[in-house]
N, C-alpha and C. Protein backbone atom coordinates (compact mmCIF):
# COMPACT_ATOMS: atom_id res chain seq x y z
N MET A 1 33.10 -3.33 52.43
CA MET A 1 32.67 -4.68 52.13
C MET A 1 31.89 -4.68 50.80
N MET A 2 32.21 -5.60 49.95
CA MET A 2 31.57 -5.69 48.64
C MET A 2 30.31 -6.54 48.72
N THR A 3 29.27 -6.07 48.04
CA THR A 3 28.05 -6.87 47.96
C THR A 3 28.24 -7.94 46.89
N SER A 4 27.30 -8.87 46.85
CA SER A 4 27.42 -9.96 45.86
C SER A 4 27.28 -9.41 44.43
N ASN A 5 26.44 -8.40 44.23
CA ASN A 5 26.32 -7.79 42.89
C ASN A 5 27.62 -7.12 42.47
N GLN A 6 28.25 -6.43 43.37
CA GLN A 6 29.52 -5.78 43.06
C GLN A 6 30.60 -6.83 42.76
N LEU A 7 30.60 -7.91 43.54
CA LEU A 7 31.57 -8.97 43.31
C LEU A 7 31.36 -9.62 41.93
N MET A 8 30.11 -9.89 41.57
CA MET A 8 29.82 -10.47 40.25
C MET A 8 30.22 -9.50 39.14
N PHE A 9 29.97 -8.21 39.34
CA PHE A 9 30.36 -7.22 38.33
C PHE A 9 31.88 -7.22 38.15
N VAL A 10 32.61 -7.27 39.24
CA VAL A 10 34.08 -7.28 39.16
C VAL A 10 34.56 -8.55 38.45
N ILE A 11 33.98 -9.69 38.81
CA ILE A 11 34.39 -10.96 38.17
C ILE A 11 34.10 -10.92 36.67
N LEU A 12 32.89 -10.51 36.29
CA LEU A 12 32.53 -10.46 34.87
C LEU A 12 33.39 -9.44 34.13
N SER A 13 33.67 -8.32 34.76
CA SER A 13 34.51 -7.29 34.11
C SER A 13 35.93 -7.80 33.89
N VAL A 14 36.47 -8.48 34.88
CA VAL A 14 37.83 -9.03 34.74
C VAL A 14 37.86 -10.08 33.64
N VAL A 15 36.85 -10.95 33.60
CA VAL A 15 36.78 -11.97 32.55
C VAL A 15 36.70 -11.31 31.17
N ILE A 16 35.88 -10.27 31.05
CA ILE A 16 35.75 -9.57 29.76
C ILE A 16 37.07 -8.95 29.34
N VAL A 17 37.74 -8.27 30.27
CA VAL A 17 39.00 -7.61 29.92
C VAL A 17 40.07 -8.64 29.55
N ILE A 18 40.21 -9.68 30.35
CA ILE A 18 41.25 -10.68 30.08
C ILE A 18 41.01 -11.39 28.75
N PHE A 19 39.78 -11.86 28.53
CA PHE A 19 39.52 -12.60 27.29
C PHE A 19 39.48 -11.68 26.07
N SER A 20 39.17 -10.40 26.26
CA SER A 20 39.26 -9.46 25.14
C SER A 20 40.71 -9.29 24.70
N ILE A 21 41.58 -9.16 25.67
CA ILE A 21 43.01 -9.04 25.35
C ILE A 21 43.51 -10.32 24.69
N LEU A 22 43.11 -11.47 25.24
CA LEU A 22 43.52 -12.74 24.64
C LEU A 22 42.97 -12.90 23.22
N THR A 23 41.76 -12.39 22.97
CA THR A 23 41.17 -12.50 21.63
C THR A 23 42.01 -11.78 20.60
N VAL A 24 42.45 -10.59 20.91
CA VAL A 24 43.19 -9.81 19.92
C VAL A 24 44.68 -10.10 19.90
N THR A 25 45.20 -10.78 20.91
CA THR A 25 46.63 -11.08 20.92
C THR A 25 46.94 -12.53 20.59
N SER A 26 45.95 -13.37 20.52
CA SER A 26 46.19 -14.79 20.22
C SER A 26 46.68 -14.93 18.78
N ARG A 27 47.66 -15.80 18.60
CA ARG A 27 48.19 -16.02 17.26
C ARG A 27 47.46 -17.18 16.57
N ARG A 28 46.66 -17.91 17.28
CA ARG A 28 45.88 -19.00 16.69
C ARG A 28 44.43 -18.55 16.53
N ILE A 29 43.92 -18.68 15.32
CA ILE A 29 42.61 -18.10 14.99
C ILE A 29 41.46 -18.81 15.70
N LEU A 30 41.55 -20.11 15.87
CA LEU A 30 40.47 -20.84 16.55
C LEU A 30 40.41 -20.47 18.03
N ARG A 31 41.56 -20.31 18.64
CA ARG A 31 41.58 -19.89 20.05
C ARG A 31 41.00 -18.49 20.21
N ALA A 32 41.29 -17.61 19.26
CA ALA A 32 40.74 -16.26 19.33
C ALA A 32 39.21 -16.29 19.26
N ALA A 33 38.66 -17.18 18.43
CA ALA A 33 37.20 -17.30 18.34
C ALA A 33 36.61 -17.83 19.65
N VAL A 34 37.29 -18.75 20.30
CA VAL A 34 36.80 -19.27 21.58
C VAL A 34 36.89 -18.20 22.67
N TYR A 35 37.97 -17.44 22.66
CA TYR A 35 38.09 -16.34 23.62
C TYR A 35 36.98 -15.31 23.41
N LEU A 36 36.64 -15.05 22.16
CA LEU A 36 35.55 -14.13 21.85
C LEU A 36 34.23 -14.66 22.41
N LEU A 37 34.04 -15.97 22.36
CA LEU A 37 32.84 -16.58 22.92
C LEU A 37 32.74 -16.29 24.42
N PHE A 38 33.85 -16.39 25.14
CA PHE A 38 33.83 -16.09 26.58
C PHE A 38 33.50 -14.62 26.84
N VAL A 39 34.00 -13.73 26.00
CA VAL A 39 33.70 -12.30 26.15
C VAL A 39 32.20 -12.05 25.97
N LEU A 40 31.61 -12.66 24.94
CA LEU A 40 30.20 -12.44 24.66
C LEU A 40 29.31 -13.05 25.75
N ILE A 41 29.68 -14.19 26.29
CA ILE A 41 28.90 -14.80 27.37
C ILE A 41 28.99 -13.95 28.64
N SER A 42 30.17 -13.41 28.92
CA SER A 42 30.31 -12.54 30.10
C SER A 42 29.52 -11.25 29.94
N THR A 43 29.47 -10.73 28.73
CA THR A 43 28.65 -9.54 28.46
C THR A 43 27.18 -9.86 28.70
N CYS A 44 26.78 -11.05 28.33
CA CYS A 44 25.41 -11.50 28.60
C CYS A 44 25.14 -11.51 30.10
N GLY A 45 26.13 -11.94 30.88
CA GLY A 45 25.98 -11.92 32.34
C GLY A 45 25.78 -10.51 32.88
N LEU A 46 26.47 -9.53 32.29
CA LEU A 46 26.25 -8.13 32.71
C LEU A 46 24.84 -7.67 32.40
N TYR A 47 24.32 -8.07 31.24
CA TYR A 47 22.95 -7.70 30.89
C TYR A 47 21.95 -8.32 31.87
N PHE A 48 22.19 -9.56 32.28
CA PHE A 48 21.30 -10.18 33.27
C PHE A 48 21.37 -9.44 34.60
N MET A 49 22.55 -8.99 34.98
CA MET A 49 22.68 -8.24 36.23
C MET A 49 21.90 -6.93 36.18
N LEU A 50 21.79 -6.34 34.99
CA LEU A 50 21.06 -5.08 34.83
C LEU A 50 19.56 -5.29 34.63
N ASN A 51 19.11 -6.54 34.71
CA ASN A 51 17.71 -6.93 34.49
C ASN A 51 17.23 -6.64 33.08
N TYR A 52 18.15 -6.75 32.12
CA TYR A 52 17.80 -6.64 30.71
C TYR A 52 17.76 -8.06 30.14
N GLN A 53 16.74 -8.82 30.57
CA GLN A 53 16.68 -10.22 30.19
C GLN A 53 16.56 -10.41 28.68
N PHE A 54 15.79 -9.57 28.03
CA PHE A 54 15.62 -9.71 26.58
C PHE A 54 16.94 -9.47 25.86
N LEU A 55 17.63 -8.40 26.23
CA LEU A 55 18.92 -8.10 25.61
C LEU A 55 19.94 -9.19 25.92
N ALA A 56 19.90 -9.73 27.13
CA ALA A 56 20.80 -10.83 27.49
C ALA A 56 20.50 -12.07 26.66
N ALA A 57 19.22 -12.35 26.45
CA ALA A 57 18.85 -13.50 25.63
C ALA A 57 19.29 -13.32 24.19
N VAL A 58 19.13 -12.11 23.66
CA VAL A 58 19.59 -11.82 22.29
C VAL A 58 21.10 -11.96 22.22
N GLN A 59 21.81 -11.45 23.21
CA GLN A 59 23.27 -11.55 23.25
C GLN A 59 23.70 -13.02 23.25
N LEU A 60 23.05 -13.82 24.06
CA LEU A 60 23.42 -15.22 24.19
C LEU A 60 23.06 -16.01 22.94
N ALA A 61 21.85 -15.80 22.45
CA ALA A 61 21.39 -16.59 21.30
C ALA A 61 22.00 -16.13 19.99
N LEU A 62 21.99 -14.83 19.75
CA LEU A 62 22.43 -14.32 18.45
C LEU A 62 23.94 -14.21 18.36
N TYR A 63 24.56 -13.56 19.31
CA TYR A 63 25.99 -13.31 19.20
C TYR A 63 26.80 -14.52 19.66
N ALA A 64 26.63 -14.93 20.93
CA ALA A 64 27.42 -16.05 21.43
C ALA A 64 27.04 -17.35 20.75
N GLY A 65 25.75 -17.56 20.53
CA GLY A 65 25.32 -18.82 19.94
C GLY A 65 25.40 -18.86 18.43
N GLY A 66 25.13 -17.75 17.78
CA GLY A 66 25.08 -17.75 16.32
C GLY A 66 26.35 -17.29 15.65
N ILE A 67 26.81 -16.13 16.00
CA ILE A 67 27.93 -15.53 15.28
C ILE A 67 29.23 -16.27 15.56
N VAL A 68 29.49 -16.60 16.82
CA VAL A 68 30.74 -17.30 17.13
C VAL A 68 30.75 -18.69 16.50
N VAL A 69 29.61 -19.37 16.51
CA VAL A 69 29.52 -20.67 15.84
C VAL A 69 29.76 -20.50 14.34
N LEU A 70 29.23 -19.44 13.75
CA LEU A 70 29.46 -19.16 12.34
C LEU A 70 30.95 -18.91 12.07
N ILE A 71 31.60 -18.17 12.94
CA ILE A 71 33.03 -17.91 12.79
C ILE A 71 33.82 -19.22 12.90
N ILE A 72 33.48 -20.04 13.88
CA ILE A 72 34.20 -21.31 14.05
C ILE A 72 33.97 -22.22 12.85
N PHE A 73 32.75 -22.30 12.35
CA PHE A 73 32.50 -23.10 11.14
C PHE A 73 33.29 -22.56 9.96
N SER A 74 33.39 -21.26 9.84
CA SER A 74 34.16 -20.67 8.74
C SER A 74 35.63 -21.07 8.85
N ILE A 75 36.14 -21.05 10.05
CA ILE A 75 37.53 -21.45 10.25
C ILE A 75 37.73 -22.91 9.88
N LEU A 76 36.81 -23.75 10.34
CA LEU A 76 36.94 -25.18 10.06
C LEU A 76 36.73 -25.49 8.58
N LEU A 77 35.81 -24.80 7.91
CA LEU A 77 35.53 -25.07 6.50
C LEU A 77 36.66 -24.61 5.58
N THR A 78 37.40 -23.61 5.99
CA THR A 78 38.48 -23.12 5.14
C THR A 78 39.81 -23.80 5.46
N SER A 79 39.78 -24.81 6.30
CA SER A 79 40.97 -25.61 6.64
C SER A 79 42.09 -24.78 7.23
N HIS A 80 41.76 -23.80 8.03
CA HIS A 80 42.79 -22.99 8.67
C HIS A 80 42.78 -23.19 10.18
N ILE A 81 42.46 -24.39 10.63
CA ILE A 81 42.33 -24.62 12.06
C ILE A 81 43.66 -24.47 12.79
N ASN A 82 44.75 -24.83 12.14
CA ASN A 82 46.07 -24.73 12.78
C ASN A 82 46.85 -23.50 12.33
N GLN A 83 46.18 -22.58 11.67
CA GLN A 83 46.88 -21.40 11.19
C GLN A 83 47.38 -20.56 12.35
N LYS A 84 48.63 -20.15 12.22
CA LYS A 84 49.23 -19.28 13.22
C LYS A 84 49.58 -17.98 12.54
N PHE A 85 49.15 -16.86 13.12
CA PHE A 85 49.49 -15.56 12.57
C PHE A 85 50.95 -15.25 12.86
N GLU A 86 51.56 -14.46 11.98
CA GLU A 86 52.95 -14.08 12.18
C GLU A 86 53.05 -13.13 13.38
N PRO A 87 54.21 -13.11 14.02
CA PRO A 87 54.38 -12.19 15.15
C PRO A 87 54.20 -10.74 14.72
N ILE A 88 53.69 -9.94 15.62
CA ILE A 88 53.41 -8.54 15.33
C ILE A 88 54.70 -7.73 15.46
N SER A 89 54.92 -6.85 14.51
CA SER A 89 56.13 -6.02 14.53
C SER A 89 56.02 -4.98 15.64
N TRP A 90 57.18 -4.43 16.01
CA TRP A 90 57.19 -3.45 17.09
C TRP A 90 56.48 -2.17 16.71
N LYS A 91 56.45 -1.82 15.41
CA LYS A 91 55.75 -0.61 14.97
C LYS A 91 54.25 -0.74 15.21
N LYS A 92 53.69 -1.89 14.83
CA LYS A 92 52.25 -2.10 15.05
C LYS A 92 51.93 -2.11 16.53
N THR A 93 52.79 -2.72 17.33
CA THR A 93 52.57 -2.75 18.78
C THR A 93 52.61 -1.34 19.35
N PHE A 94 53.56 -0.55 18.93
CA PHE A 94 53.70 0.82 19.42
C PHE A 94 52.47 1.66 19.08
N PHE A 95 52.04 1.61 17.81
CA PHE A 95 50.88 2.41 17.41
C PHE A 95 49.59 1.88 18.04
N SER A 96 49.52 0.57 18.28
CA SER A 96 48.36 0.01 18.97
C SER A 96 48.28 0.51 20.40
N ILE A 97 49.42 0.57 21.06
CA ILE A 97 49.45 1.07 22.44
C ILE A 97 49.04 2.54 22.48
N ILE A 98 49.50 3.32 21.52
CA ILE A 98 49.10 4.73 21.45
C ILE A 98 47.59 4.86 21.23
N ALA A 99 47.03 4.03 20.34
CA ALA A 99 45.60 4.08 20.09
C ALA A 99 44.80 3.66 21.32
N VAL A 100 45.29 2.65 22.05
CA VAL A 100 44.60 2.21 23.26
C VAL A 100 44.63 3.30 24.33
N ILE A 101 45.77 3.93 24.50
CA ILE A 101 45.88 5.01 25.50
C ILE A 101 44.98 6.18 25.12
N ALA A 102 44.96 6.55 23.85
CA ALA A 102 44.10 7.65 23.41
C ALA A 102 42.62 7.30 23.62
N GLY A 103 42.24 6.08 23.29
CA GLY A 103 40.85 5.65 23.51
C GLY A 103 40.48 5.62 24.98
N ALA A 104 41.41 5.16 25.82
CA ALA A 104 41.14 5.13 27.26
C ALA A 104 40.99 6.53 27.82
N ILE A 105 41.85 7.44 27.39
CA ILE A 105 41.75 8.83 27.85
C ILE A 105 40.42 9.44 27.42
N LEU A 106 40.03 9.20 26.18
CA LEU A 106 38.76 9.72 25.68
C LEU A 106 37.59 9.17 26.48
N CYS A 107 37.58 7.86 26.72
CA CYS A 107 36.48 7.25 27.48
C CYS A 107 36.44 7.75 28.92
N ILE A 108 37.58 7.81 29.56
CA ILE A 108 37.62 8.24 30.96
C ILE A 108 37.19 9.69 31.10
N THR A 109 37.68 10.57 30.24
CA THR A 109 37.28 11.97 30.34
C THR A 109 35.79 12.15 30.03
N THR A 110 35.28 11.39 29.09
CA THR A 110 33.85 11.47 28.78
C THR A 110 33.01 11.02 29.97
N ILE A 111 33.39 9.91 30.60
CA ILE A 111 32.65 9.40 31.76
C ILE A 111 32.74 10.36 32.94
N LEU A 112 33.92 10.91 33.16
CA LEU A 112 34.09 11.81 34.30
C LEU A 112 33.37 13.15 34.09
N ASN A 113 33.24 13.60 32.86
CA ASN A 113 32.58 14.88 32.59
C ASN A 113 31.07 14.77 32.48
N TYR A 114 30.54 13.56 32.32
CA TYR A 114 29.10 13.39 32.20
C TYR A 114 28.49 13.34 33.60
N GLU A 115 27.41 14.08 33.78
CA GLU A 115 26.76 14.09 35.08
C GLU A 115 25.63 13.06 35.08
N PHE A 116 25.87 11.96 35.75
CA PHE A 116 24.87 10.91 35.86
C PHE A 116 23.86 11.31 36.93
N SER A 117 22.59 11.09 36.63
CA SER A 117 21.55 11.42 37.61
C SER A 117 20.59 10.24 37.73
N ALA A 118 20.01 10.13 38.91
CA ALA A 118 19.05 9.06 39.14
C ALA A 118 17.80 9.30 38.31
N ASN A 119 17.18 8.24 37.90
CA ASN A 119 16.01 8.34 37.03
C ASN A 119 14.82 7.71 37.74
N GLU A 120 13.72 8.40 37.74
CA GLU A 120 12.51 7.92 38.42
C GLU A 120 11.50 7.33 37.44
N VAL A 121 11.94 6.99 36.24
CA VAL A 121 11.04 6.44 35.24
C VAL A 121 10.68 5.01 35.63
N VAL A 122 9.40 4.72 35.57
CA VAL A 122 8.92 3.38 35.91
C VAL A 122 9.26 2.44 34.75
N ALA A 123 9.71 1.24 35.10
CA ALA A 123 10.07 0.26 34.07
C ALA A 123 8.82 -0.17 33.29
N LYS A 124 9.00 -0.36 32.00
CA LYS A 124 7.90 -0.82 31.17
C LYS A 124 7.61 -2.28 31.46
N SER A 125 6.35 -2.65 31.34
CA SER A 125 6.00 -4.05 31.54
C SER A 125 6.46 -4.85 30.33
N VAL A 126 6.79 -6.10 30.58
CA VAL A 126 7.25 -6.97 29.51
C VAL A 126 6.01 -7.53 28.82
N ASP A 127 5.76 -7.05 27.62
CA ASP A 127 4.61 -7.47 26.84
C ASP A 127 5.12 -7.97 25.49
N MET A 128 4.73 -9.16 25.12
CA MET A 128 5.22 -9.75 23.87
C MET A 128 4.83 -8.92 22.65
N LYS A 129 3.69 -8.29 22.70
CA LYS A 129 3.27 -7.47 21.57
C LYS A 129 4.19 -6.26 21.41
N VAL A 130 4.58 -5.64 22.55
CA VAL A 130 5.48 -4.50 22.50
C VAL A 130 6.85 -4.94 21.99
N ILE A 131 7.34 -6.09 22.47
CA ILE A 131 8.63 -6.60 22.02
C ILE A 131 8.59 -6.92 20.54
N GLY A 132 7.53 -7.57 20.08
CA GLY A 132 7.39 -7.90 18.67
C GLY A 132 7.35 -6.66 17.79
N ASN A 133 6.60 -5.66 18.21
CA ASN A 133 6.55 -4.41 17.43
C ASN A 133 7.90 -3.70 17.43
N SER A 134 8.62 -3.77 18.54
CA SER A 134 9.95 -3.15 18.60
C SER A 134 10.92 -3.87 17.67
N LEU A 135 10.83 -5.18 17.61
CA LEU A 135 11.73 -5.94 16.74
C LEU A 135 11.48 -5.63 15.27
N LEU A 136 10.25 -5.34 14.91
CA LEU A 136 9.91 -5.09 13.51
C LEU A 136 9.93 -3.62 13.14
N SER A 137 10.15 -2.75 14.12
CA SER A 137 10.07 -1.32 13.89
C SER A 137 11.42 -0.74 13.47
N TYR A 138 11.35 0.29 12.62
CA TYR A 138 12.54 1.05 12.25
C TYR A 138 12.60 2.38 13.00
N GLY A 139 11.66 2.63 13.89
CA GLY A 139 11.57 3.91 14.59
C GLY A 139 12.57 4.04 15.72
N ASN A 140 12.24 4.91 16.68
CA ASN A 140 13.15 5.19 17.79
C ASN A 140 13.46 3.96 18.64
N ASP A 141 12.45 3.18 18.95
CA ASP A 141 12.66 2.01 19.79
C ASP A 141 12.74 0.72 18.97
N GLY A 142 13.04 0.84 17.71
CA GLY A 142 13.06 -0.33 16.83
C GLY A 142 14.41 -0.99 16.74
N TYR A 143 14.37 -2.29 16.45
CA TYR A 143 15.60 -3.08 16.35
C TYR A 143 15.87 -3.58 14.94
N ALA A 144 14.97 -3.36 14.02
CA ALA A 144 15.11 -3.94 12.68
C ALA A 144 16.31 -3.37 11.95
N LEU A 145 16.52 -2.08 11.98
CA LEU A 145 17.63 -1.47 11.25
C LEU A 145 19.00 -1.93 11.77
N PRO A 146 19.24 -1.93 13.10
CA PRO A 146 20.55 -2.43 13.55
C PRO A 146 20.80 -3.89 13.16
N PHE A 147 19.77 -4.73 13.24
CA PHE A 147 19.94 -6.13 12.86
C PHE A 147 20.24 -6.26 11.38
N GLU A 148 19.60 -5.47 10.54
CA GLU A 148 19.86 -5.52 9.11
C GLU A 148 21.28 -5.06 8.80
N LEU A 149 21.73 -4.00 9.45
CA LEU A 149 23.09 -3.52 9.23
C LEU A 149 24.12 -4.55 9.67
N ILE A 150 23.89 -5.17 10.80
CA ILE A 150 24.82 -6.18 11.29
C ILE A 150 24.83 -7.39 10.37
N SER A 151 23.67 -7.79 9.86
CA SER A 151 23.64 -8.94 8.95
C SER A 151 24.40 -8.65 7.66
N ILE A 152 24.30 -7.44 7.14
CA ILE A 152 25.05 -7.08 5.93
C ILE A 152 26.55 -7.07 6.24
N LEU A 153 26.93 -6.54 7.39
CA LEU A 153 28.33 -6.53 7.79
C LEU A 153 28.88 -7.95 7.93
N LEU A 154 28.10 -8.83 8.55
CA LEU A 154 28.55 -10.22 8.70
C LEU A 154 28.64 -10.94 7.36
N LEU A 155 27.70 -10.67 6.48
CA LEU A 155 27.75 -11.28 5.15
C LEU A 155 29.01 -10.83 4.41
N ALA A 156 29.32 -9.55 4.49
CA ALA A 156 30.53 -9.04 3.84
C ALA A 156 31.78 -9.66 4.46
N ALA A 157 31.80 -9.82 5.77
CA ALA A 157 32.95 -10.44 6.44
C ALA A 157 33.10 -11.90 6.03
N MET A 158 31.99 -12.61 5.92
CA MET A 158 32.05 -14.01 5.50
C MET A 158 32.57 -14.14 4.08
N ILE A 159 32.07 -13.31 3.18
CA ILE A 159 32.52 -13.36 1.78
C ILE A 159 34.01 -13.02 1.70
N ALA A 160 34.43 -12.01 2.44
CA ALA A 160 35.84 -11.62 2.43
C ALA A 160 36.72 -12.73 2.98
N SER A 161 36.29 -13.38 4.05
CA SER A 161 37.11 -14.45 4.63
C SER A 161 37.21 -15.64 3.70
N ILE A 162 36.14 -15.95 2.99
CA ILE A 162 36.18 -17.06 2.04
C ILE A 162 37.08 -16.72 0.86
N VAL A 163 37.01 -15.49 0.37
CA VAL A 163 37.88 -15.07 -0.74
C VAL A 163 39.34 -15.13 -0.32
N ILE A 164 39.65 -14.64 0.88
CA ILE A 164 41.03 -14.67 1.37
C ILE A 164 41.50 -16.12 1.54
N ALA A 165 40.62 -16.97 2.07
CA ALA A 165 41.00 -18.37 2.27
C ALA A 165 41.24 -19.06 0.94
N LYS A 166 40.41 -18.80 -0.05
CA LYS A 166 40.59 -19.43 -1.36
C LYS A 166 41.86 -18.94 -2.04
N LYS A 167 42.18 -17.66 -1.89
CA LYS A 167 43.42 -17.13 -2.49
C LYS A 167 44.64 -17.79 -1.86
N SER A 168 44.63 -17.95 -0.54
CA SER A 168 45.78 -18.54 0.11
C SER A 168 45.88 -20.03 -0.20
N MET A 169 44.77 -20.69 -0.45
CA MET A 169 44.82 -22.11 -0.84
C MET A 169 45.42 -22.25 -2.23
N LYS A 170 45.11 -21.30 -3.15
CA LYS A 170 45.69 -21.34 -4.49
C LYS A 170 47.19 -21.09 -4.45
N ILE A 171 47.63 -20.20 -3.58
CA ILE A 171 49.06 -19.90 -3.46
C ILE A 171 49.80 -21.11 -2.91
N GLU A 172 49.21 -21.80 -1.93
CA GLU A 172 49.84 -22.97 -1.35
C GLU A 172 49.97 -24.11 -2.35
N LYS A 173 49.01 -24.25 -3.27
CA LYS A 173 49.05 -25.32 -4.26
C LYS A 173 50.15 -25.11 -5.29
N LYS A 174 50.51 -23.85 -5.57
CA LYS A 174 51.56 -23.56 -6.56
C LYS A 174 52.87 -23.94 -6.05
């Protein structure tokens, strides 16, 4: 018999897997962005199940709320709302399947070979000062460096998408 936590984990996992596949296989770019939103919200649900409320809030506010909205605005601003990607060739599909199988084998063997053990560490109390210092820290428990790297990556992605959109608009005008 499954407990309610196990049932929620299965539901969230199935939603993540299905919408992840839909995100990368959708030929319409706006639909792919919406599917990505569902994946990020379901991931937030997993964080809440693990009692990582702060990480769940960051996931919901920053990724689901900020990044996906930014992606959707980028799509709408570049007038590619109805853009349909060309069908994928059989070569790309074949090599993608090989990469997925290799990645799955690597993940499964790593998980099966790792010896998980129970941990008796007492949970830290939620203190705003500790959270604030962690957000501003570059040390072991700091979050500033990952956020900075992600912001640079997103900026580069935005610039690249705008350049690609402008090039394709020039080609269409000719």
